[in-house]
Amino acid sequence: MAAAQSTGKQILGAAEIQRSLVRIAHEILERNRGSSSLVLLGIPSAGVPLAHRLAAALEVAAKESGEPAGAPPVGTLDITMYRDDLGRHPIRVPQPTRIPGESLEGRTVILVDDVLFSGRTIRAALDALGAIGRADAVQLAVLVDRGHRELPIRADYVGKNLPTSRSEKVVVSLTELGADADAVTIVDAEEATR
């Protein structure tokens, strides 16, 4: 979840977030033998700036390894109408989905999100992606995996595994979304709703 700023226990600061993205970029390049067929799709809201940062880290990592490819294209994947909890939470205004290029055919899609929790957001993302086209492969990169899965979904790339209780909330604050500084914090769920 993205927020402008949050009180609570800070787990990651700006430097640790960047270091996590650089490590994920190297893991992606190693697993996919380069970046030429990759497309990054950020899940709004915090997944979008994270996808752009990850693309920049992939470009640097590719250059370091002597690969000619530049940064992979970045798009957005709005999942609002594919969620299974629309009646439980306020509906977020749908945002446009932007898929770079002509199609996903022949591409490896890396879904990028801030926090992996129940798995329901990613299930919705897979449904939305399936309605758009058929990628050769779909992989998942998250900044934080906090556990408590309700669906059999696992991230391929994780910046930080962060065991939490269900009464806590993980808040990702990013400057692109109005925060004063980048941070990942844990707050009490009641405090987060105030």
C-alpha atoms as a PDB file:
ATOM      1  CA  MET A   1       0.000   0.000   0.000  1.00  0.00           C
ATOM      2  CA  ALA A   2       1.299   3.441  -0.776  1.00  0.00           C
ATOM      3  CA  ALA A   3       1.020   6.428   1.498  1.00  0.00           C
ATOM      4  CA  ALA A   4       2.398   9.925   1.517  1.00  0.00           C
ATOM      5  CA  GLN A   5       4.151   9.392   4.862  1.00  0.00           C
ATOM      6  CA  SER A   6       3.719   7.053   7.788  1.00  0.00           C
ATOM      7  CA  THR A   7       4.685   6.802  11.413  1.00  0.00           C
ATOM      8  CA  GLY A   8       5.691   3.434  12.752  1.00  0.00           C
ATOM      9  CA  LYS A   9       8.770   1.258  12.733  1.00  0.00           C
ATOM     10  CA  GLN A  10      10.898   1.921   9.655  1.00  0.00           C
ATOM     11  CA  ILE A  11      12.174  -1.298   8.094  1.00  0.00           C
ATOM     12  CA  LEU A  12      13.790   0.041   4.916  1.00  0.00           C
ATOM     13  CA  GLY A  13      15.026   3.492   4.003  1.00  0.00           C
ATOM     14  CA  ALA A  14      15.816   4.929   0.588  1.00  0.00           C
ATOM     15  CA  ALA A  15      19.255   3.287   0.343  1.00  0.00           C
ATOM     16  CA  GLU A  16      17.923  -0.160   1.287  1.00  0.00           C
ATOM     17  CA  ILE A  17      15.045   0.136  -1.178  1.00  0.00           C
ATOM     18  CA  GLN A  18      17.474   1.018  -3.978  1.00  0.00           C
ATOM     19  CA  ARG A  19      19.822  -1.810  -2.987  1.00  0.00           C
ATOM     20  CA  SER A  20      16.890  -4.255  -3.064  1.00  0.00           C
ATOM     21  CA  LEU A  21      15.894  -3.113  -6.558  1.00  0.00           C
ATOM     22  CA  VAL A  22      19.481  -3.455  -7.827  1.00  0.00           C
ATOM     23  CA  ARG A  23      19.668  -6.997  -6.432  1.00  0.00           C
ATOM     24  CA  ILE A  24      16.303  -7.890  -7.989  1.00  0.00           C
ATOM     25  CA  ALA A  25      17.524  -6.493 -11.336  1.00  0.00           C
ATOM     26  CA  HIS A  26      20.570  -8.772 -11.273  1.00  0.00           C
ATOM     27  CA  GLU A  27      18.384 -11.766 -10.371  1.00  0.00           C
ATOM     28  CA  ILE A  28      16.006 -10.986 -13.249  1.00  0.00           C
ATOM     29  CA  LEU A  29      18.872 -10.725 -15.756  1.00  0.00           C
ATOM     30  CA  GLU A  30      20.405 -13.973 -14.552  1.00  0.00           C
ATOM     31  CA  ARG A  31      17.148 -15.912 -14.676  1.00  0.00           C
ATOM     32  CA  ASN A  32      16.064 -14.540 -18.054  1.00  0.00           C
ATOM     33  CA  ARG A  33      19.509 -14.492 -19.702  1.00  0.00           C
ATOM     34  CA  GLY A  34      19.214 -10.814 -20.463  1.00  0.00           C
ATOM     35  CA  SER A  35      16.483  -8.229 -20.748  1.00  0.00           C
ATOM     36  CA  SER A  36      15.652  -8.106 -24.459  1.00  0.00           C
ATOM     37  CA  SER A  37      12.266  -9.844 -24.155  1.00  0.00           C
ATOM     38  CA  LEU A  38      11.205  -8.295 -20.847  1.00  0.00           C
ATOM     39  CA  VAL A  39       8.247  -5.997 -20.219  1.00  0.00           C
ATOM     40  CA  LEU A  40       7.683  -4.553 -16.747  1.00  0.00           C
ATOM     41  CA  LEU A  41       4.097  -3.868 -15.676  1.00  0.00           C
ATOM     42  CA  GLY A  42       3.622  -1.900 -12.482  1.00  0.00           C
ATOM     43  CA  ILE A  43       0.474  -2.416 -10.448  1.00  0.00           C
ATOM     44  CA  PRO A  44      -0.882   0.966  -9.269  1.00  0.00           C
ATOM     45  CA  SER A  45      -0.135   2.741  -7.224  1.00  0.00           C
ATOM     46  CA  ALA A  46       3.312   2.029  -5.747  1.00  0.00           C
ATOM     47  CA  GLY A  47       4.100  -0.731  -8.243  1.00  0.00           C
ATOM     48  CA  VAL A  48       4.292   1.811 -11.065  1.00  0.00           C
ATOM     49  CA  PRO A  49       7.198   3.932  -9.744  1.00  0.00           C
ATOM     50  CA  LEU A  50       8.896   0.752  -8.518  1.00  0.00           C
ATOM     51  CA  ALA A  51       8.653  -0.684 -12.052  1.00  0.00           C
ATOM     52  CA  HIS A  52      10.312   2.441 -13.471  1.00  0.00           C
ATOM     53  CA  ARG A  53      13.088   2.262 -10.879  1.00  0.00           C
ATOM     54  CA  LEU A  54      13.557  -1.445 -11.565  1.00  0.00           C
ATOM     55  CA  ALA A  55      13.805  -0.767 -15.321  1.00  0.00           C
ATOM     56  CA  ALA A  56      16.564   1.777 -14.654  1.00  0.00           C
ATOM     57  CA  ALA A  57      18.376  -0.738 -12.429  1.00  0.00           C
ATOM     58  CA  LEU A  58      18.016  -3.393 -15.150  1.00  0.00           C
ATOM     59  CA  GLU A  59      19.554  -1.032 -17.709  1.00  0.00           C
ATOM     60  CA  VAL A  60      22.571  -0.396 -15.475  1.00  0.00           C
ATOM     61  CA  ALA A  61      22.964  -4.096 -14.637  1.00  0.00           C
ATOM     62  CA  ALA A  62      22.727  -5.049 -18.323  1.00  0.00           C
ATOM     63  CA  LYS A  63      25.446  -2.533 -19.236  1.00  0.00           C
ATOM     64  CA  GLU A  64      27.654  -3.854 -16.427  1.00  0.00           C
ATOM     65  CA  SER A  65      27.321  -7.370 -17.820  1.00  0.00           C
ATOM     66  CA  GLY A  66      28.061  -6.224 -21.379  1.00  0.00           C
ATOM     67  CA  GLU A  67      24.528  -6.718 -22.661  1.00  0.00           C
ATOM     68  CA  PRO A  68      23.542  -4.286 -25.431  1.00  0.00           C
ATOM     69  CA  ALA A  69      19.869  -3.989 -24.450  1.00  0.00           C
ATOM     70  CA  GLY A  70      18.650  -0.800 -22.795  1.00  0.00           C
ATOM     71  CA  ALA A  71      15.983  -0.487 -20.152  1.00  0.00           C
ATOM     72  CA  PRO A  72      13.012  -2.781 -20.711  1.00  0.00           C
ATOM     73  CA  PRO A  73       9.721  -1.062 -21.543  1.00  0.00           C
ATOM     74  CA  VAL A  74       7.475  -0.219 -18.599  1.00  0.00           C
ATOM     75  CA  GLY A  75       3.694  -0.160 -18.530  1.00  0.00           C
ATOM     76  CA  THR A  76       0.883  -0.173 -15.998  1.00  0.00           C
ATOM     77  CA  LEU A  77      -1.712  -2.838 -15.282  1.00  0.00           C
ATOM     78  CA  ASP A  78      -4.865  -1.616 -13.570  1.00  0.00           C
ATOM     79  CA  ILE A  79      -6.591  -4.445 -11.703  1.00  0.00           C
ATOM     80  CA  THR A  80      -9.485  -2.531 -10.156  1.00  0.00           C
ATOM     81  CA  MET A  81     -12.293  -4.339 -11.977  1.00  0.00           C
ATOM     82  CA  TYR A  82     -10.672  -7.755 -11.469  1.00  0.00           C
ATOM     83  CA  ARG A  83     -10.522  -7.586  -7.659  1.00  0.00           C
ATOM     84  CA  ASP A  84     -12.633  -9.988  -5.627  1.00  0.00           C
ATOM     85  CA  ASP A  85     -13.001  -7.580  -2.700  1.00  0.00           C
ATOM     86  CA  LEU A  86     -14.791  -4.675  -4.382  1.00  0.00           C
ATOM     87  CA  GLY A  87     -17.625  -4.838  -1.848  1.00  0.00           C
ATOM     88  CA  ARG A  88     -15.275  -4.803   1.153  1.00  0.00           C
ATOM     89  CA  HIS A  89     -13.117  -1.784   0.396  1.00  0.00           C
ATOM     90  CA  PRO A  90     -13.686   1.591  -1.224  1.00  0.00           C
ATOM     91  CA  ILE A  91     -13.270   1.307  -4.977  1.00  0.00           C
ATOM     92  CA  ARG A  92     -10.188   3.052  -6.261  1.00  0.00           C
ATOM     93  CA  VAL A  93     -10.759   5.066  -9.416  1.00  0.00           C
ATOM     94  CA  PRO A  94      -9.684   2.830 -12.310  1.00  0.00           C
ATOM     95  CA  GLN A  95      -6.527   3.992 -14.013  1.00  0.00           C
ATOM     96  CA  PRO A  96      -5.581   3.297 -17.605  1.00  0.00           C
ATOM     97  CA  THR A  97      -3.719   0.117 -18.385  1.00  0.00           C
ATOM     98  CA  ARG A  98      -0.740   0.816 -20.628  1.00  0.00           C
ATOM     99  CA  ILE A  99       0.931  -2.094 -22.366  1.00  0.00           C
ATOM    100  CA  PRO A 100       4.135  -1.105 -24.200  1.00  0.00           C
ATOM    101  CA  GLY A 101       4.485  -2.354 -27.758  1.00  0.00           C
ATOM    102  CA  GLU A 102       2.049  -4.132 -30.024  1.00  0.00           C
ATOM    103  CA  SER A 103       1.343  -7.159 -27.838  1.00  0.00           C
ATOM    104  CA  LEU A 104       2.679  -9.391 -25.099  1.00  0.00           C
ATOM    105  CA  GLU A 105       3.267 -12.286 -27.500  1.00  0.00           C
ATOM    106  CA  GLY A 106       6.861 -13.466 -27.251  1.00  0.00           C
ATOM    107  CA  ARG A 107       7.506 -11.356 -24.147  1.00  0.00           C
ATOM    108  CA  THR A 108       8.257 -12.158 -20.528  1.00  0.00           C
ATOM    109  CA  VAL A 109       6.128  -9.957 -18.295  1.00  0.00           C
ATOM    110  CA  ILE A 110       7.462  -8.975 -14.897  1.00  0.00           C
ATOM    111  CA  LEU A 111       4.588  -7.830 -12.678  1.00  0.00           C
ATOM    112  CA  VAL A 112       5.882  -5.298 -10.138  1.00  0.00           C
ATOM    113  CA  ASP A 113       4.116  -4.506  -6.866  1.00  0.00           C
ATOM    114  CA  ASP A 114       5.088  -3.033  -3.526  1.00  0.00           C
ATOM    115  CA  VAL A 115       3.783  -5.572  -0.985  1.00  0.00           C
ATOM    116  CA  LEU A 116       2.767  -9.205  -1.400  1.00  0.00           C
ATOM    117  CA  PHE A 117       0.265 -10.167   1.283  1.00  0.00           C
ATOM    118  CA  SER A 118      -2.775 -12.391   0.660  1.00  0.00           C
ATOM    119  CA  GLY A 119      -2.034 -12.926  -3.037  1.00  0.00           C
ATOM    120  CA  ARG A 120      -5.406 -11.533  -4.108  1.00  0.00           C
ATOM    121  CA  THR A 121      -3.931  -8.492  -5.868  1.00  0.00           C
ATOM    122  CA  ILE A 122      -1.679 -10.729  -7.944  1.00  0.00           C
ATOM    123  CA  ARG A 123      -4.562 -13.093  -8.761  1.00  0.00           C
ATOM    124  CA  ALA A 124      -6.475 -10.058 -10.040  1.00  0.00           C
ATOM    125  CA  ALA A 125      -3.388  -8.953 -12.004  1.00  0.00           C
ATOM    126  CA  LEU A 126      -3.127 -12.369 -13.657  1.00  0.00           C
ATOM    127  CA  ASP A 127      -6.819 -12.185 -14.616  1.00  0.00           C
ATOM    128  CA  ALA A 128      -6.357  -8.672 -16.046  1.00  0.00           C
ATOM    129  CA  LEU A 129      -3.248  -9.762 -17.922  1.00  0.00           C
ATOM    130  CA  GLY A 130      -5.053 -12.778 -19.371  1.00  0.00           C
ATOM    131  CA  ALA A 131      -7.762 -10.495 -20.736  1.00  0.00           C
ATOM    132  CA  ILE A 132      -5.117  -8.474 -22.592  1.00  0.00           C
ATOM    133  CA  GLY A 133      -3.088 -11.215 -24.220  1.00  0.00           C
ATOM    134  CA  ARG A 134      -0.824 -14.182 -23.746  1.00  0.00           C
ATOM    135  CA  ALA A 135       2.735 -13.573 -22.626  1.00  0.00           C
ATOM    136  CA  ASP A 136       5.356 -16.291 -22.975  1.00  0.00           C
ATOM    137  CA  ALA A 137       5.948 -16.123 -19.212  1.00  0.00           C
ATOM    138  CA  VAL A 138       4.820 -14.057 -16.244  1.00  0.00           C
ATOM    139  CA  GLN A 139       7.062 -13.413 -13.241  1.00  0.00           C
ATOM    140  CA  LEU A 140       6.450 -11.431 -10.068  1.00  0.00           C
ATOM    141  CA  ALA A 141       8.769  -8.917  -8.391  1.00  0.00           C
ATOM    142  CA  VAL A 142       7.787  -7.355  -5.062  1.00  0.00           C
ATOM    143  CA  LEU A 143       9.606  -4.997  -2.761  1.00  0.00           C
ATOM    144  CA  VAL A 144       8.200  -6.687   0.374  1.00  0.00           C
ATOM    145  CA  ASP A 145       6.745 -10.148   0.996  1.00  0.00           C
ATOM    146  CA  ARG A 146       4.960 -10.087   4.334  1.00  0.00           C
ATOM    147  CA  GLY A 147       3.474 -13.587   4.248  1.00  0.00           C
ATOM    148  CA  HIS A 148      -0.107 -14.503   5.208  1.00  0.00           C
ATOM    149  CA  ARG A 149      -0.978 -15.895   1.789  1.00  0.00           C
ATOM    150  CA  GLU A 150      -4.612 -16.833   1.122  1.00  0.00           C
ATOM    151  CA  LEU A 151      -3.887 -18.062  -2.402  1.00  0.00           C
ATOM    152  CA  PRO A 152      -1.055 -20.239  -3.747  1.00  0.00           C
ATOM    153  CA  ILE A 153       0.983 -17.354  -5.137  1.00  0.00           C
ATOM    154  CA  ARG A 154       4.721 -16.826  -4.677  1.00  0.00           C
ATOM    155  CA  ALA A 155       6.991 -14.008  -5.810  1.00  0.00           C
ATOM    156  CA  ASP A 156       9.910 -14.811  -8.107  1.00  0.00           C
ATOM    157  CA  TYR A 157      11.895 -11.808  -6.855  1.00  0.00           C
ATOM    158  CA  VAL A 158      11.632 -10.326  -3.352  1.00  0.00           C
ATOM    159  CA  GLY A 159      13.392  -7.269  -1.985  1.00  0.00           C
ATOM    160  CA  LYS A 160      12.679  -8.049   1.680  1.00  0.00           C
ATOM    161  CA  ASN A 161      10.910 -10.935   3.401  1.00  0.00           C
ATOM    162  CA  LEU A 162       9.179  -9.309   6.340  1.00  0.00           C
ATOM    163  CA  PRO A 163       7.284 -11.491   8.811  1.00  0.00           C
ATOM    164  CA  THR A 164       4.333  -9.536  10.199  1.00  0.00           C
ATOM    165  CA  SER A 165       1.217 -10.140  12.227  1.00  0.00           C
ATOM    166  CA  ARG A 166      -2.185  -9.694  10.645  1.00  0.00           C
ATOM    167  CA  SER A 167      -2.771  -6.730  12.969  1.00  0.00           C
ATOM    168  CA  GLU A 168       0.087  -4.848  11.320  1.00  0.00           C
ATOM    169  CA  LYS A 169       0.173  -3.044   8.017  1.00  0.00           C
ATOM    170  CA  VAL A 170       3.200  -2.553   5.779  1.00  0.00           C
ATOM    171  CA  VAL A 171       3.308   0.927   4.265  1.00  0.00           C
ATOM    172  CA  VAL A 172       5.542   1.766   1.308  1.00  0.00           C
ATOM    173  CA  SER A 173       6.177   5.505   0.980  1.00  0.00           C
ATOM    174  CA  LEU A 174       7.781   6.761  -2.228  1.00  0.00           C
ATOM    175  CA  THR A 175       8.746  10.274  -3.267  1.00  0.00           C
ATOM    176  CA  GLU A 176       6.984   9.780  -6.620  1.00  0.00           C
ATOM    177  CA  LEU A 177       3.744   9.363  -4.678  1.00  0.00           C
ATOM    178  CA  GLY A 178       4.200  12.461  -2.531  1.00  0.00           C
ATOM    179  CA  ALA A 179       6.290  11.180   0.380  1.00  0.00           C
ATOM    180  CA  ASP A 180       9.116  13.279   1.784  1.00  0.00           C
ATOM    181  CA  ALA A 181      11.431  10.261   1.605  1.00  0.00           C
ATOM    182  CA  ASP A 182      11.331   6.641   0.505  1.00  0.00           C
ATOM    183  CA  ALA A 183      10.574   4.216   3.321  1.00  0.00           C
ATOM    184  CA  VAL A 184       8.973   0.914   4.220  1.00  0.00           C
ATOM    185  CA  THR A 185       7.356   1.010   7.645  1.00  0.00           C
ATOM    186  CA  ILE A 186       5.244  -1.286   9.777  1.00  0.00           C
ATOM    187  CA  VAL A 187       2.299   0.320  11.530  1.00  0.00           C
ATOM    188  CA  ASP A 188      -0.570  -0.993  13.612  1.00  0.00           C
ATOM    189  CA  ALA A 189      -3.550  -1.565  11.298  1.00  0.00           C
ATOM    190  CA  GLU A 190      -5.747   0.712  13.447  1.00  0.00           C
ATOM    191  CA  GLU A 191      -3.196   3.526  13.198  1.00  0.00           C
ATOM    192  CA  ALA A 192      -3.071   3.086   9.414  1.00  0.00           C
ATOM    193  CA  THR A 193      -6.826   3.700   9.079  1.00  0.00           C
ATOM    194  CA  ARG A 194      -6.786   6.973  11.040  1.00  0.00           C
END
